[in-house]
Amino acid sequence: MARIISLLFCLMLGFTALSTRAADPVTTAPTPAEVSGKKLNNRYLPENEVKQITIDNQPYDLLVRAWEGKKKLGAAIILPATNGTADAPGLMAFVRRNINPAGWASLSLTPPTELPAANFATAATEVTSPGAAQLSSPSNKPSPKIKPEDNSKHLQDQEDFLVQSMSQLDAVGADYAGKRILITADQSAGLLISLLSQKKIADPDVLIVINPYREDEKLNQALAEQLAKLTLPILDIQSPDGHPASLETAANRKVLAVTLESPNYRQTRLALNLDNESAWQNCLNAIKGFAARMSGAQ
């Protein structure tokens, strides 16, 4: 009996040890997406890829990858969507890592941030009485996220941030002489189109915009004409899962470019959503072909 009790005791200790070991977290290296989401300063990247620029006394990441192979055509300046990082997971990170064999160095900028959504709270004493008008905006339009004056200031801050970022690229990109292609997406694309139309930044040799839009309805409607009036070569890529504001102006962007006889404008409609990696490769192929052809950097 004593032997049986001893055996049972040993088995219980063994199960306890196994349970404790299973409960211990396994330490694994974070994926690029996880690191980017936590904004850990891109510590998962090789040190020679991570540079920094300074804006208003604050450091921001600028990721640099050299061209590969015999071709040395120039540099692709990549600006991911707002509120992201210089290595935001998805299409832009894919382009950043895979355009180099085509002869383009890649310089990926930290994009500007968006204003946080307003968190409204109303005191009980300020609640209107039943039946009183409570909404100042039309019922068929989304409620404004922020005050108009705050929005205007933030848009100006975003533009200033991008102007300062772009002005510092010459020094970093000096090692990659040649043509310059500018690749950008979503609201960042809308901001850059506005800056180019106002001549606040220098024209690149080629502009690539992916699902461009502005969140402000009036600014978004002006986007098509601003884009059509630019005189540089433009590849306008639209995906089926683009932001509704981008899908809303896609047809008009193309029509205006034809109307204003913009000879170097081309719009490409993707068949696949951008959450599909096959669409990433299709985008990259379109970018490489258009950039090489329109820049003359064959």
Foldseek 3Di string as FASTA:
>chain_A
DVVVVVVVVVVVVVVVVVVVVVPDDDDDDDDPQVCQVVVPQPPVDPPVQWDWDADPNDTATKGKAAADDDAQAFAEEEEEDAPGHLCHPFLRVVLQPPLRPLNYMYIGGGAHHDDDFDDDDDDPVPDDDPPDDDDPDDPVDDDDRDDPVVRVVVLVVRLVVVLSVQVPVCVVRVVRDHFYEYEYEEASLLSVLVCVLVVSDDDGQEYEYELYAHPPLVSRVCSLVSLLPDQHAYEYEYEPPRDPSSVVCVVVSVVSNVVVVNPRYDYDYDPDHRVDVVVSVVVSVVCSVSCCVSSVSD
